[in-house]
Amino acid sequence: MIRIDGKLIPIDDQPMNASFFGEARRLTGFITPDSLEVQSLYNSLTEGIGNSVDRIKACWGWVASQVKYVESVRGRLWIGNKVSVQNDLWSLPETTINTKLGNCAVKSFLLASLIRNELPPDQVYCTLGNLYNGKPGGHAWISLNIEGQEFVMESTTPTAPPMVPASMAKRYEAVHYFNDAEVLAVEGKTQMIPMTACYSSWLTNYLNWVWIESQRTS
């Protein structure tokens, strides 16, 4: 289990509007270890590698180097005569494998999905929080627990070390941890909205407010 300075509390599985046509996809729905594309890529990347840590590093190396990092991806989807445009698209891992393009969240979704084929859910989380690197801002990365030691994995660049001990990653301030099984938050580092949904302030632009308001008033 991830150990941090602060109490971890379970929170609502956030309804996100970062896809098309106002779809309210849950945060856990962006981590897809069981998808055919993710499993196929994991198998090809780890074939012949006998050590678990080396398999994890192989997954990181592919995501960090083969998926181009961009601050945001603008997507457009046509279905019949209807068009939906998303100015900052959160694509699913299987889509990212094919487009090889993503922001910090999208790249972290894919990396978490790959590593979930190696580690159980209580050892690998996609983490949303703040990065204090010059001007602080919202960021996404991977948190690991391997044999009782905590690590941070930065998915956006291949020039970073693949696994940094969390005790040394002082610039990373975690707010939410999630994978395909659960969503957790660091107590005292969230805000509350109706129906007790919790979020980082920078995450508000991604929430599906239509869905949230419908639940609050129902």
N, C-alpha and C. Protein backbone atom coordinates (compact mmCIF):
# COMPACT_ATOMS: atom_id res chain seq x y z
N MET A 1 0.84 -1.20 0.00
CA MET A 1 0.00 0.00 0.00
C MET A 1 0.88 1.25 0.00
N ILE A 2 0.46 2.27 -0.71
CA ILE A 2 1.18 3.53 -0.74
C ILE A 2 1.16 4.17 0.66
N ARG A 3 2.30 4.59 1.12
CA ARG A 3 2.41 5.26 2.41
C ARG A 3 2.84 6.71 2.17
N ILE A 4 2.13 7.64 2.79
CA ILE A 4 2.43 9.06 2.58
C ILE A 4 2.31 9.80 3.90
N ASP A 5 2.75 11.05 3.90
CA ASP A 5 2.56 11.93 5.05
C ASP A 5 1.16 12.51 4.96
N GLY A 6 0.23 11.94 5.70
CA GLY A 6 -1.16 12.37 5.63
C GLY A 6 -2.07 11.17 5.50
N LYS A 7 -3.30 11.34 5.89
CA LYS A 7 -4.25 10.23 5.88
C LYS A 7 -4.87 10.08 4.50
N LEU A 8 -4.88 8.86 3.99
CA LEU A 8 -5.55 8.58 2.73
C LEU A 8 -7.00 8.20 2.99
N ILE A 9 -7.91 8.84 2.27
CA ILE A 9 -9.33 8.57 2.45
C ILE A 9 -9.95 8.17 1.11
N PRO A 10 -10.87 7.21 1.09
CA PRO A 10 -11.57 6.88 -0.15
C PRO A 10 -12.51 8.01 -0.53
N ILE A 11 -12.61 8.29 -1.83
CA ILE A 11 -13.50 9.36 -2.30
C ILE A 11 -14.33 8.85 -3.47
N ASP A 12 -15.28 9.68 -3.87
CA ASP A 12 -16.13 9.32 -5.01
C ASP A 12 -15.29 9.11 -6.26
N ASP A 13 -15.68 8.14 -7.06
CA ASP A 13 -15.04 7.88 -8.34
C ASP A 13 -15.47 8.98 -9.30
N GLN A 14 -14.59 9.93 -9.57
CA GLN A 14 -14.94 11.17 -10.24
C GLN A 14 -15.54 10.99 -11.63
N PRO A 15 -16.67 11.66 -11.93
CA PRO A 15 -17.21 11.67 -13.28
C PRO A 15 -16.48 12.73 -14.11
N MET A 16 -15.76 12.30 -15.12
CA MET A 16 -14.94 13.21 -15.90
C MET A 16 -15.60 13.50 -17.25
N ASN A 17 -15.44 14.72 -17.73
CA ASN A 17 -15.92 15.11 -19.05
C ASN A 17 -14.72 15.53 -19.88
N ALA A 18 -13.84 14.58 -20.14
CA ALA A 18 -12.64 14.87 -20.92
C ALA A 18 -12.61 14.01 -22.17
N SER A 19 -13.79 13.53 -22.56
CA SER A 19 -13.91 12.72 -23.77
C SER A 19 -14.88 13.41 -24.72
N PHE A 20 -15.73 12.65 -25.41
CA PHE A 20 -16.61 13.22 -26.42
C PHE A 20 -18.08 13.12 -26.02
N PHE A 21 -18.88 14.04 -26.54
CA PHE A 21 -20.33 14.05 -26.38
C PHE A 21 -20.75 14.04 -24.91
N GLY A 22 -19.97 14.70 -24.04
CA GLY A 22 -20.35 14.83 -22.65
C GLY A 22 -20.34 13.53 -21.87
N GLU A 23 -19.60 12.55 -22.35
CA GLU A 23 -19.54 11.25 -21.69
C GLU A 23 -18.97 11.39 -20.28
N ALA A 24 -19.64 10.81 -19.30
CA ALA A 24 -19.19 10.88 -17.90
C ALA A 24 -18.41 9.63 -17.56
N ARG A 25 -17.19 9.58 -18.01
CA ARG A 25 -16.33 8.42 -17.71
C ARG A 25 -15.71 8.61 -16.33
N ARG A 26 -15.73 7.55 -15.52
CA ARG A 26 -15.14 7.60 -14.20
C ARG A 26 -13.61 7.61 -14.28
N LEU A 27 -12.98 8.16 -13.25
CA LEU A 27 -11.52 8.15 -13.21
C LEU A 27 -10.97 6.73 -13.35
N THR A 28 -11.56 5.77 -12.64
CA THR A 28 -11.07 4.40 -12.72
C THR A 28 -11.19 3.83 -14.13
N GLY A 29 -12.09 4.38 -14.93
CA GLY A 29 -12.28 3.88 -16.29
C GLY A 29 -11.15 4.23 -17.23
N PHE A 30 -10.23 5.12 -16.81
CA PHE A 30 -9.09 5.46 -17.65
C PHE A 30 -7.90 4.54 -17.44
N ILE A 31 -7.98 3.65 -16.47
CA ILE A 31 -6.93 2.65 -16.25
C ILE A 31 -7.47 1.31 -16.73
N THR A 32 -6.87 0.77 -17.80
CA THR A 32 -7.46 -0.39 -18.48
C THR A 32 -6.44 -1.51 -18.66
N PRO A 33 -6.01 -2.16 -17.57
CA PRO A 33 -5.00 -3.22 -17.70
C PRO A 33 -5.47 -4.44 -18.46
N ASP A 34 -6.78 -4.64 -18.54
CA ASP A 34 -7.31 -5.85 -19.17
C ASP A 34 -7.61 -5.68 -20.65
N SER A 35 -7.39 -4.49 -21.19
CA SER A 35 -7.70 -4.31 -22.61
C SER A 35 -6.71 -5.08 -23.48
N LEU A 36 -7.16 -5.56 -24.61
CA LEU A 36 -6.33 -6.38 -25.49
C LEU A 36 -5.08 -5.64 -25.91
N GLU A 37 -5.22 -4.36 -26.27
CA GLU A 37 -4.06 -3.59 -26.74
C GLU A 37 -3.02 -3.40 -25.64
N VAL A 38 -3.48 -3.12 -24.43
CA VAL A 38 -2.55 -2.92 -23.31
C VAL A 38 -1.83 -4.22 -22.98
N GLN A 39 -2.55 -5.31 -22.92
CA GLN A 39 -1.92 -6.59 -22.60
C GLN A 39 -0.94 -7.02 -23.69
N SER A 40 -1.31 -6.78 -24.94
CA SER A 40 -0.43 -7.13 -26.05
C SER A 40 0.87 -6.33 -25.99
N LEU A 41 0.76 -5.02 -25.71
CA LEU A 41 1.96 -4.20 -25.61
C LEU A 41 2.80 -4.62 -24.41
N TYR A 42 2.16 -4.87 -23.29
CA TYR A 42 2.89 -5.31 -22.09
C TYR A 42 3.67 -6.59 -22.39
N ASN A 43 3.04 -7.55 -23.04
CA ASN A 43 3.71 -8.82 -23.35
C ASN A 43 4.90 -8.61 -24.27
N SER A 44 4.74 -7.75 -25.26
CA SER A 44 5.84 -7.53 -26.21
C SER A 44 7.00 -6.78 -25.55
N LEU A 45 6.69 -5.86 -24.64
CA LEU A 45 7.74 -5.08 -23.98
C LEU A 45 8.51 -5.89 -22.95
N THR A 46 7.86 -6.85 -22.33
CA THR A 46 8.47 -7.57 -21.20
C THR A 46 8.94 -8.98 -21.57
N GLU A 47 8.74 -9.38 -22.81
CA GLU A 47 9.13 -10.74 -23.20
C GLU A 47 10.62 -10.96 -22.96
N GLY A 48 10.93 -12.03 -22.24
CA GLY A 48 12.31 -12.39 -21.99
C GLY A 48 12.97 -11.65 -20.84
N ILE A 49 12.25 -10.74 -20.19
CA ILE A 49 12.81 -10.00 -19.05
C ILE A 49 12.41 -10.72 -17.76
N GLY A 50 13.38 -11.22 -17.03
CA GLY A 50 13.07 -12.05 -15.88
C GLY A 50 12.82 -11.30 -14.59
N ASN A 51 13.26 -10.05 -14.50
CA ASN A 51 13.16 -9.29 -13.26
C ASN A 51 11.97 -8.34 -13.30
N SER A 52 11.18 -8.32 -12.22
CA SER A 52 9.97 -7.50 -12.19
C SER A 52 10.28 -6.01 -12.36
N VAL A 53 11.28 -5.52 -11.65
CA VAL A 53 11.62 -4.09 -11.75
C VAL A 53 12.06 -3.75 -13.17
N ASP A 54 12.81 -4.63 -13.81
CA ASP A 54 13.23 -4.38 -15.19
C ASP A 54 12.05 -4.39 -16.14
N ARG A 55 11.05 -5.22 -15.87
CA ARG A 55 9.84 -5.22 -16.71
C ARG A 55 9.09 -3.89 -16.55
N ILE A 56 9.01 -3.40 -15.32
CA ILE A 56 8.36 -2.11 -15.07
C ILE A 56 9.11 -0.99 -15.78
N LYS A 57 10.43 -1.02 -15.72
CA LYS A 57 11.23 0.00 -16.39
C LYS A 57 11.07 -0.07 -17.91
N ALA A 58 10.89 -1.27 -18.44
CA ALA A 58 10.67 -1.41 -19.89
C ALA A 58 9.36 -0.74 -20.30
N CYS A 59 8.33 -0.91 -19.47
CA CYS A 59 7.04 -0.25 -19.75
C CYS A 59 7.20 1.26 -19.69
N TRP A 60 7.89 1.74 -18.66
CA TRP A 60 8.13 3.18 -18.55
C TRP A 60 8.90 3.71 -19.75
N GLY A 61 9.93 2.98 -20.17
CA GLY A 61 10.76 3.45 -21.28
C GLY A 61 9.96 3.64 -22.55
N TRP A 62 9.02 2.72 -22.82
CA TRP A 62 8.21 2.84 -24.03
C TRP A 62 7.29 4.05 -23.95
N VAL A 63 6.58 4.21 -22.83
CA VAL A 63 5.65 5.33 -22.69
C VAL A 63 6.40 6.66 -22.71
N ALA A 64 7.52 6.72 -22.01
CA ALA A 64 8.27 7.97 -21.91
C ALA A 64 8.86 8.39 -23.25
N SER A 65 9.29 7.41 -24.05
CA SER A 65 10.00 7.75 -25.29
C SER A 65 9.15 7.65 -26.55
N GLN A 66 8.17 6.76 -26.56
CA GLN A 66 7.40 6.52 -27.78
C GLN A 66 6.09 7.30 -27.87
N VAL A 67 5.58 7.76 -26.73
CA VAL A 67 4.36 8.58 -26.73
C VAL A 67 4.79 10.04 -26.57
N LYS A 68 4.57 10.82 -27.59
CA LYS A 68 5.00 12.22 -27.57
C LYS A 68 4.21 13.00 -26.54
N TYR A 69 4.94 13.76 -25.70
CA TYR A 69 4.28 14.57 -24.69
C TYR A 69 3.85 15.91 -25.28
N VAL A 70 2.59 16.25 -25.07
CA VAL A 70 2.05 17.56 -25.42
C VAL A 70 1.21 18.03 -24.24
N GLU A 71 1.12 19.33 -24.05
CA GLU A 71 0.37 19.84 -22.90
C GLU A 71 -1.11 19.52 -23.02
N SER A 72 -1.63 19.51 -24.22
CA SER A 72 -3.03 19.14 -24.43
C SER A 72 -3.21 18.59 -25.84
N VAL A 73 -4.20 17.71 -25.99
CA VAL A 73 -4.51 17.12 -27.29
C VAL A 73 -5.94 17.51 -27.66
N ARG A 74 -6.10 18.14 -28.80
CA ARG A 74 -7.45 18.52 -29.26
C ARG A 74 -7.97 17.41 -30.16
N GLY A 75 -9.12 16.87 -29.81
CA GLY A 75 -9.70 15.77 -30.57
C GLY A 75 -11.07 16.11 -31.11
N ARG A 76 -11.43 15.48 -32.22
CA ARG A 76 -12.75 15.68 -32.83
C ARG A 76 -13.28 14.33 -33.28
N LEU A 77 -14.55 14.06 -32.96
CA LEU A 77 -15.16 12.79 -33.31
C LEU A 77 -16.44 13.05 -34.09
N TRP A 78 -16.55 12.40 -35.25
CA TRP A 78 -17.76 12.47 -36.06
C TRP A 78 -18.53 11.16 -35.93
N ILE A 79 -19.80 11.25 -35.65
CA ILE A 79 -20.70 10.09 -35.70
C ILE A 79 -21.92 10.52 -36.48
N GLY A 80 -22.05 10.01 -37.70
CA GLY A 80 -23.12 10.48 -38.57
C GLY A 80 -22.94 11.95 -38.86
N ASN A 81 -23.98 12.74 -38.60
CA ASN A 81 -23.87 14.19 -38.83
C ASN A 81 -23.61 14.95 -37.53
N LYS A 82 -23.24 14.24 -36.47
CA LYS A 82 -22.96 14.89 -35.19
C LYS A 82 -21.44 14.93 -34.96
N VAL A 83 -20.99 16.06 -34.44
CA VAL A 83 -19.56 16.27 -34.20
C VAL A 83 -19.36 16.68 -32.75
N SER A 84 -18.35 16.09 -32.12
CA SER A 84 -17.97 16.49 -30.77
C SER A 84 -16.49 16.86 -30.76
N VAL A 85 -16.17 18.01 -30.15
CA VAL A 85 -14.79 18.50 -30.07
C VAL A 85 -14.38 18.57 -28.60
N GLN A 86 -13.21 18.02 -28.30
CA GLN A 86 -12.66 18.09 -26.95
C GLN A 86 -11.31 18.77 -27.04
N ASN A 87 -11.19 19.93 -26.41
CA ASN A 87 -9.96 20.72 -26.53
C ASN A 87 -8.79 20.17 -25.73
N ASP A 88 -9.07 19.37 -24.72
CA ASP A 88 -7.99 18.72 -23.96
C ASP A 88 -8.43 17.28 -23.71
N LEU A 89 -8.19 16.44 -24.68
CA LEU A 89 -8.73 15.09 -24.69
C LEU A 89 -7.96 14.17 -23.76
N TRP A 90 -8.68 13.44 -22.92
CA TRP A 90 -8.12 12.34 -22.14
C TRP A 90 -8.47 11.05 -22.88
N SER A 91 -7.52 10.53 -23.60
CA SER A 91 -7.79 9.32 -24.37
C SER A 91 -7.50 8.08 -23.54
N LEU A 92 -8.17 6.99 -23.88
CA LEU A 92 -7.96 5.72 -23.20
C LEU A 92 -6.60 5.15 -23.58
N PRO A 93 -6.00 4.32 -22.73
CA PRO A 93 -4.68 3.75 -23.02
C PRO A 93 -4.59 3.06 -24.37
N GLU A 94 -5.63 2.33 -24.75
CA GLU A 94 -5.57 1.62 -26.03
C GLU A 94 -5.53 2.59 -27.21
N THR A 95 -6.17 3.75 -27.07
CA THR A 95 -6.09 4.78 -28.11
C THR A 95 -4.71 5.40 -28.13
N THR A 96 -4.16 5.67 -26.96
CA THR A 96 -2.84 6.29 -26.86
C THR A 96 -1.76 5.41 -27.47
N ILE A 97 -1.90 4.09 -27.33
CA ILE A 97 -0.93 3.17 -27.93
C ILE A 97 -0.86 3.39 -29.44
N ASN A 98 -1.99 3.70 -30.04
CA ASN A 98 -2.04 3.86 -31.50
C ASN A 98 -1.71 5.28 -31.95
N THR A 99 -2.13 6.29 -31.19
CA THR A 99 -1.86 7.67 -31.60
C THR A 99 -0.46 8.12 -31.19
N LYS A 100 0.07 7.52 -30.09
CA LYS A 100 1.40 7.87 -29.57
C LYS A 100 1.50 9.37 -29.27
N LEU A 101 0.44 9.88 -28.62
CA LEU A 101 0.36 11.30 -28.31
C LEU A 101 -0.43 11.46 -27.02
N GLY A 102 0.06 12.30 -26.10
CA GLY A 102 -0.72 12.49 -24.88
C GLY A 102 -0.11 13.50 -23.93
N ASN A 103 -0.96 14.04 -23.06
CA ASN A 103 -0.47 14.92 -22.01
C ASN A 103 -0.02 14.08 -20.82
N CYS A 104 0.31 14.72 -19.70
CA CYS A 104 0.84 13.98 -18.55
C CYS A 104 -0.17 12.97 -18.03
N ALA A 105 -1.46 13.33 -18.03
CA ALA A 105 -2.48 12.41 -17.54
C ALA A 105 -2.63 11.21 -18.47
N VAL A 106 -2.73 11.46 -19.76
CA VAL A 106 -2.91 10.38 -20.73
C VAL A 106 -1.73 9.41 -20.71
N LYS A 107 -0.52 9.94 -20.66
CA LYS A 107 0.66 9.08 -20.60
C LYS A 107 0.69 8.26 -19.30
N SER A 108 0.26 8.88 -18.21
CA SER A 108 0.22 8.17 -16.93
C SER A 108 -0.87 7.11 -16.91
N PHE A 109 -2.01 7.38 -17.56
CA PHE A 109 -3.05 6.35 -17.66
C PHE A 109 -2.48 5.09 -18.32
N LEU A 110 -1.76 5.29 -19.41
CA LEU A 110 -1.20 4.16 -20.14
C LEU A 110 -0.15 3.44 -19.30
N LEU A 111 0.75 4.19 -18.68
CA LEU A 111 1.80 3.56 -17.90
C LEU A 111 1.21 2.78 -16.72
N ALA A 112 0.24 3.35 -16.03
CA ALA A 112 -0.40 2.64 -14.93
C ALA A 112 -1.08 1.37 -15.41
N SER A 113 -1.71 1.43 -16.57
CA SER A 113 -2.39 0.25 -17.12
C SER A 113 -1.40 -0.86 -17.44
N LEU A 114 -0.26 -0.49 -18.02
CA LEU A 114 0.77 -1.48 -18.32
C LEU A 114 1.32 -2.11 -17.04
N ILE A 115 1.65 -1.27 -16.06
CA ILE A 115 2.25 -1.78 -14.83
C ILE A 115 1.26 -2.60 -14.01
N ARG A 116 -0.03 -2.33 -14.18
CA ARG A 116 -1.02 -3.14 -13.48
C ARG A 116 -1.02 -4.60 -13.94
N ASN A 117 -0.42 -4.87 -15.08
CA ASN A 117 -0.23 -6.25 -15.50
C ASN A 117 0.95 -6.90 -14.78
N GLU A 118 1.70 -6.09 -14.05
CA GLU A 118 2.86 -6.58 -13.29
C GLU A 118 2.60 -6.55 -11.79
N LEU A 119 1.90 -5.52 -11.31
CA LEU A 119 1.68 -5.33 -9.88
C LEU A 119 0.20 -5.29 -9.55
N PRO A 120 -0.18 -5.70 -8.33
CA PRO A 120 -1.58 -5.60 -7.90
C PRO A 120 -1.98 -4.14 -7.70
N PRO A 121 -3.29 -3.87 -7.62
CA PRO A 121 -3.74 -2.47 -7.57
C PRO A 121 -3.26 -1.69 -6.37
N ASP A 122 -2.99 -2.34 -5.24
CA ASP A 122 -2.55 -1.56 -4.07
C ASP A 122 -1.06 -1.21 -4.12
N GLN A 123 -0.40 -1.53 -5.26
CA GLN A 123 1.02 -1.18 -5.40
C GLN A 123 1.29 -0.20 -6.53
N VAL A 124 0.29 0.11 -7.34
CA VAL A 124 0.51 1.05 -8.44
C VAL A 124 -0.71 1.95 -8.61
N TYR A 125 -0.47 3.24 -8.58
CA TYR A 125 -1.53 4.24 -8.72
C TYR A 125 -1.11 5.31 -9.72
N CYS A 126 -2.08 5.74 -10.52
CA CYS A 126 -1.93 7.00 -11.24
C CYS A 126 -2.20 8.09 -10.20
N THR A 127 -1.35 9.09 -10.15
CA THR A 127 -1.44 10.11 -9.12
C THR A 127 -1.66 11.48 -9.74
N LEU A 128 -2.65 12.19 -9.23
CA LEU A 128 -2.94 13.55 -9.65
C LEU A 128 -2.58 14.49 -8.51
N GLY A 129 -1.90 15.57 -8.83
CA GLY A 129 -1.51 16.50 -7.77
C GLY A 129 -0.85 17.72 -8.35
N ASN A 130 0.15 18.21 -7.65
CA ASN A 130 0.83 19.44 -8.04
C ASN A 130 2.33 19.19 -8.17
N LEU A 131 2.91 19.79 -9.18
CA LEU A 131 4.35 19.71 -9.38
C LEU A 131 4.95 21.09 -9.14
N TYR A 132 5.85 21.18 -8.19
CA TYR A 132 6.51 22.44 -7.88
C TYR A 132 7.85 22.48 -8.60
N ASN A 133 7.78 22.89 -9.86
CA ASN A 133 8.96 22.94 -10.72
C ASN A 133 8.96 24.30 -11.41
N GLY A 134 9.53 25.31 -10.74
CA GLY A 134 9.37 26.67 -11.21
C GLY A 134 7.98 27.14 -10.79
N LYS A 135 7.10 27.37 -11.74
CA LYS A 135 5.73 27.74 -11.43
C LYS A 135 4.94 26.47 -11.12
N PRO A 136 4.32 26.34 -9.92
CA PRO A 136 3.59 25.12 -9.59
C PRO A 136 2.35 24.98 -10.45
N GLY A 137 2.00 23.76 -10.74
CA GLY A 137 0.81 23.50 -11.54
C GLY A 137 0.36 22.06 -11.40
N GLY A 138 -0.85 21.77 -11.90
CA GLY A 138 -1.38 20.42 -11.85
C GLY A 138 -0.57 19.46 -12.70
N HIS A 139 -0.44 18.24 -12.23
CA HIS A 139 0.39 17.27 -12.93
C HIS A 139 -0.13 15.86 -12.63
N ALA A 140 0.32 14.90 -13.42
CA ALA A 140 -0.01 13.49 -13.21
C ALA A 140 1.25 12.66 -13.33
N TRP A 141 1.36 11.64 -12.49
CA TRP A 141 2.52 10.75 -12.51
C TRP A 141 2.11 9.40 -11.94
N ILE A 142 3.07 8.49 -11.76
CA ILE A 142 2.79 7.16 -11.23
C ILE A 142 3.45 7.01 -9.86
N SER A 143 2.71 6.43 -8.92
CA SER A 143 3.25 6.09 -7.60
C SER A 143 3.30 4.57 -7.46
N LEU A 144 4.44 4.07 -7.04
CA LEU A 144 4.65 2.62 -6.90
C LEU A 144 5.06 2.28 -5.47
N ASN A 145 4.70 1.08 -5.05
CA ASN A 145 5.23 0.50 -3.82
C ASN A 145 5.82 -0.85 -4.21
N ILE A 146 7.14 -0.97 -4.11
CA ILE A 146 7.82 -2.22 -4.45
C ILE A 146 8.63 -2.67 -3.25
N GLU A 147 8.23 -3.80 -2.71
CA GLU A 147 8.90 -4.37 -1.53
C GLU A 147 9.00 -3.35 -0.40
N GLY A 148 7.92 -2.60 -0.20
CA GLY A 148 7.84 -1.66 0.91
C GLY A 148 8.47 -0.30 0.65
N GLN A 149 9.06 -0.09 -0.51
CA GLN A 149 9.66 1.21 -0.83
C GLN A 149 8.81 1.95 -1.84
N GLU A 150 8.65 3.25 -1.59
CA GLU A 150 7.83 4.08 -2.45
C GLU A 150 8.66 4.73 -3.56
N PHE A 151 8.07 4.77 -4.77
CA PHE A 151 8.74 5.37 -5.92
C PHE A 151 7.77 6.27 -6.68
N VAL A 152 8.34 7.28 -7.33
CA VAL A 152 7.62 8.13 -8.27
C VAL A 152 8.17 7.86 -9.66
N MET A 153 7.27 7.71 -10.63
CA MET A 153 7.67 7.54 -12.03
C MET A 153 7.11 8.70 -12.84
N GLU A 154 7.98 9.44 -13.50
CA GLU A 154 7.60 10.57 -14.35
C GLU A 154 7.45 10.05 -15.77
N SER A 155 6.22 10.11 -16.30
CA SER A 155 5.94 9.49 -17.60
C SER A 155 6.17 10.40 -18.79
N THR A 156 6.44 11.69 -18.56
CA THR A 156 6.43 12.64 -19.67
C THR A 156 7.73 12.72 -20.45
N THR A 157 8.85 12.26 -19.85
CA THR A 157 10.14 12.44 -20.53
C THR A 157 11.06 11.26 -20.30
N PRO A 158 11.78 10.81 -21.33
CA PRO A 158 12.73 9.70 -21.16
C PRO A 158 14.04 10.13 -20.52
N THR A 159 14.23 11.43 -20.29
CA THR A 159 15.48 11.89 -19.68
C THR A 159 15.45 11.82 -18.15
N ALA A 160 14.27 11.60 -17.59
CA ALA A 160 14.16 11.47 -16.13
C ALA A 160 14.55 10.06 -15.72
N PRO A 161 15.03 9.87 -14.48
CA PRO A 161 15.25 8.50 -14.00
C PRO A 161 13.92 7.75 -13.99
N PRO A 162 13.92 6.47 -14.32
CA PRO A 162 12.65 5.74 -14.40
C PRO A 162 11.93 5.60 -13.07
N MET A 163 12.68 5.43 -11.98
CA MET A 163 12.08 5.26 -10.67
C MET A 163 12.84 6.09 -9.65
N VAL A 164 12.17 7.10 -9.09
CA VAL A 164 12.79 7.98 -8.11
C VAL A 164 12.19 7.68 -6.74
N PRO A 165 13.00 7.41 -5.72
CA PRO A 165 12.45 7.21 -4.38
C PRO A 165 11.57 8.38 -3.98
N ALA A 166 10.39 8.09 -3.48
CA ALA A 166 9.44 9.15 -3.14
C ALA A 166 10.02 10.12 -2.12
N SER A 167 10.91 9.63 -1.26
CA SER A 167 11.51 10.51 -0.25
C SER A 167 12.37 11.60 -0.88
N MET A 168 12.79 11.39 -2.14
CA MET A 168 13.62 12.37 -2.83
C MET A 168 12.81 13.24 -3.79
N ALA A 169 11.57 12.85 -4.04
CA ALA A 169 10.74 13.56 -5.02
C ALA A 169 9.92 14.64 -4.32
N LYS A 170 10.60 15.62 -3.76
CA LYS A 170 9.95 16.63 -2.94
C LYS A 170 9.09 17.59 -3.75
N ARG A 171 9.32 17.66 -5.05
CA ARG A 171 8.54 18.60 -5.88
C ARG A 171 7.15 18.07 -6.21
N TYR A 172 6.92 16.80 -5.94
CA TYR A 172 5.64 16.17 -6.26
C TYR A 172 4.73 16.16 -5.04
N GLU A 173 3.59 16.83 -5.14
CA GLU A 173 2.62 16.87 -4.06
C GLU A 173 1.36 16.12 -4.49
N ALA A 174 1.17 14.94 -3.97
CA ALA A 174 0.03 14.11 -4.37
C ALA A 174 -1.26 14.61 -3.72
N VAL A 175 -2.35 14.56 -4.49
CA VAL A 175 -3.68 14.86 -3.98
C VAL A 175 -4.59 13.66 -4.13
N HIS A 176 -4.58 13.04 -5.31
CA HIS A 176 -5.42 11.86 -5.57
C HIS A 176 -4.56 10.69 -6.04
N TYR A 177 -4.94 9.51 -5.59
CA TYR A 177 -4.37 8.26 -6.10
C TYR A 177 -5.52 7.44 -6.67
N PHE A 178 -5.35 6.88 -7.86
CA PHE A 178 -6.41 6.02 -8.38
C PHE A 178 -5.82 4.99 -9.34
N ASN A 179 -6.55 3.91 -9.48
CA ASN A 179 -6.24 2.88 -10.48
C ASN A 179 -7.58 2.31 -10.95
N ASP A 180 -7.58 1.13 -11.49
CA ASP A 180 -8.82 0.55 -11.98
C ASP A 180 -9.71 0.04 -10.86
N ALA A 181 -9.23 0.07 -9.61
CA ALA A 181 -9.99 -0.51 -8.50
C ALA A 181 -10.53 0.52 -7.52
N GLU A 182 -9.86 1.67 -7.34
CA GLU A 182 -10.28 2.60 -6.30
C GLU A 182 -9.73 4.00 -6.55
N VAL A 183 -10.33 4.97 -5.83
CA VAL A 183 -9.87 6.35 -5.86
C VAL A 183 -9.67 6.80 -4.41
N LEU A 184 -8.49 7.36 -4.13
CA LEU A 184 -8.15 7.83 -2.79
C LEU A 184 -7.70 9.28 -2.87
N ALA A 185 -7.78 9.97 -1.74
CA ALA A 185 -7.32 11.35 -1.67
C ALA A 185 -6.54 11.55 -0.38
N VAL A 186 -5.64 12.52 -0.40
CA VAL A 186 -4.91 12.90 0.81
C VAL A 186 -5.78 13.86 1.58
N GLU A 187 -6.14 13.49 2.78
CA GLU A 187 -7.04 14.31 3.58
C GLU A 187 -6.45 15.71 3.78
N GLY A 188 -7.30 16.73 3.61
CA GLY A 188 -6.87 18.10 3.78
C GLY A 188 -6.33 18.74 2.52
N LYS A 189 -6.23 17.98 1.43
CA LYS A 189 -5.71 18.54 0.18
C LYS A 189 -6.75 18.45 -0.93
N THR A 190 -8.02 18.45 -0.56
CA THR A 190 -9.09 18.41 -1.54
C THR A 190 -10.13 19.46 -1.21
N GLN A 191 -10.98 19.73 -2.18
CA GLN A 191 -12.14 20.56 -1.97
C GLN A 191 -13.37 19.67 -2.10
N MET A 192 -14.49 20.14 -1.60
CA MET A 192 -15.70 19.35 -1.65
C MET A 192 -16.74 20.06 -2.51
N ILE A 193 -17.53 19.26 -3.21
CA ILE A 193 -18.66 19.78 -3.97
C ILE A 193 -19.87 18.91 -3.63
N PRO A 194 -21.05 19.22 -4.13
CA PRO A 194 -22.22 18.38 -3.83
C PRO A 194 -21.94 16.90 -4.08
N MET A 195 -22.62 16.05 -3.35
CA MET A 195 -22.48 14.59 -3.38
C MET A 195 -21.09 14.14 -2.95
N THR A 196 -20.37 14.99 -2.21
CA THR A 196 -19.07 14.71 -1.59
C THR A 196 -17.99 14.33 -2.60
N ALA A 197 -18.15 14.72 -3.86
CA ALA A 197 -17.06 14.49 -4.82
C ALA A 197 -15.89 15.39 -4.44
N CYS A 198 -14.69 14.87 -4.53
CA CYS A 198 -13.48 15.60 -4.16
C CYS A 198 -12.61 15.79 -5.39
N TYR A 199 -11.91 16.91 -5.44
CA TYR A 199 -11.06 17.14 -6.60
C TYR A 199 -9.96 18.14 -6.29
N SER A 200 -8.90 18.08 -7.06
CA SER A 200 -7.90 19.15 -7.03
C SER A 200 -8.49 20.35 -7.75
N SER A 201 -8.15 21.55 -7.31
CA SER A 201 -8.76 22.73 -7.92
C SER A 201 -8.53 22.79 -9.42
N TRP A 202 -7.35 22.35 -9.89
CA TRP A 202 -7.08 22.41 -11.33
C TRP A 202 -7.89 21.38 -12.10
N LEU A 203 -8.47 20.39 -11.38
CA LEU A 203 -9.20 19.32 -12.05
C LEU A 203 -10.65 19.71 -12.36
N THR A 204 -11.11 20.85 -11.84
CA THR A 204 -12.51 21.21 -12.00
C THR A 204 -12.92 21.36 -13.46
N ASN A 205 -11.99 21.77 -14.31
CA ASN A 205 -12.33 21.95 -15.72
C ASN A 205 -12.64 20.63 -16.41
N TYR A 206 -12.25 19.51 -15.81
CA TYR A 206 -12.46 18.21 -16.43
C TYR A 206 -13.69 17.49 -15.91
N LEU A 207 -14.29 17.97 -14.83
CA LEU A 207 -15.44 17.29 -14.25
C LEU A 207 -16.67 17.42 -15.13
N ASN A 208 -17.52 16.40 -15.12
CA ASN A 208 -18.76 16.43 -15.87
C ASN A 208 -19.83 17.08 -14.99
N TRP A 209 -19.96 18.39 -15.11
CA TRP A 209 -20.85 19.13 -14.21
C TRP A 209 -22.31 18.83 -14.48
N VAL A 210 -22.68 18.53 -15.73
CA VAL A 210 -24.07 18.18 -16.03
C VAL A 210 -24.47 16.93 -15.26
N TRP A 211 -23.59 15.94 -15.28
CA TRP A 211 -23.86 14.69 -14.56
C TRP A 211 -23.91 14.94 -13.06
N ILE A 212 -22.98 15.72 -12.53
CA ILE A 212 -22.93 16.00 -11.10
C ILE A 212 -24.20 16.72 -10.64
N GLU A 213 -24.62 17.73 -11.38
CA GLU A 213 -25.80 18.48 -11.00
C GLU A 213 -27.06 17.61 -11.06
N SER A 214 -27.10 16.69 -12.03
CA SER A 214 -28.27 15.81 -12.13
C SER A 214 -28.37 14.90 -10.92
N GLN A 215 -27.21 14.48 -10.37
CA GLN A 215 -27.21 13.64 -9.19
C GLN A 215 -27.57 14.45 -7.94
N ARG A 216 -27.11 15.68 -7.90
CA ARG A 216 -27.35 16.51 -6.73
C ARG A 216 -28.82 16.87 -6.59
N THR A 217 -29.50 17.07 -7.73
CA THR A 217 -30.89 17.51 -7.70
C THR A 217 -31.88 16.36 -7.78
N SER A 218 -31.39 15.14 -7.99
CA SER A 218 -32.32 14.01 -8.12
C SER A 218 -32.76 13.50 -6.75
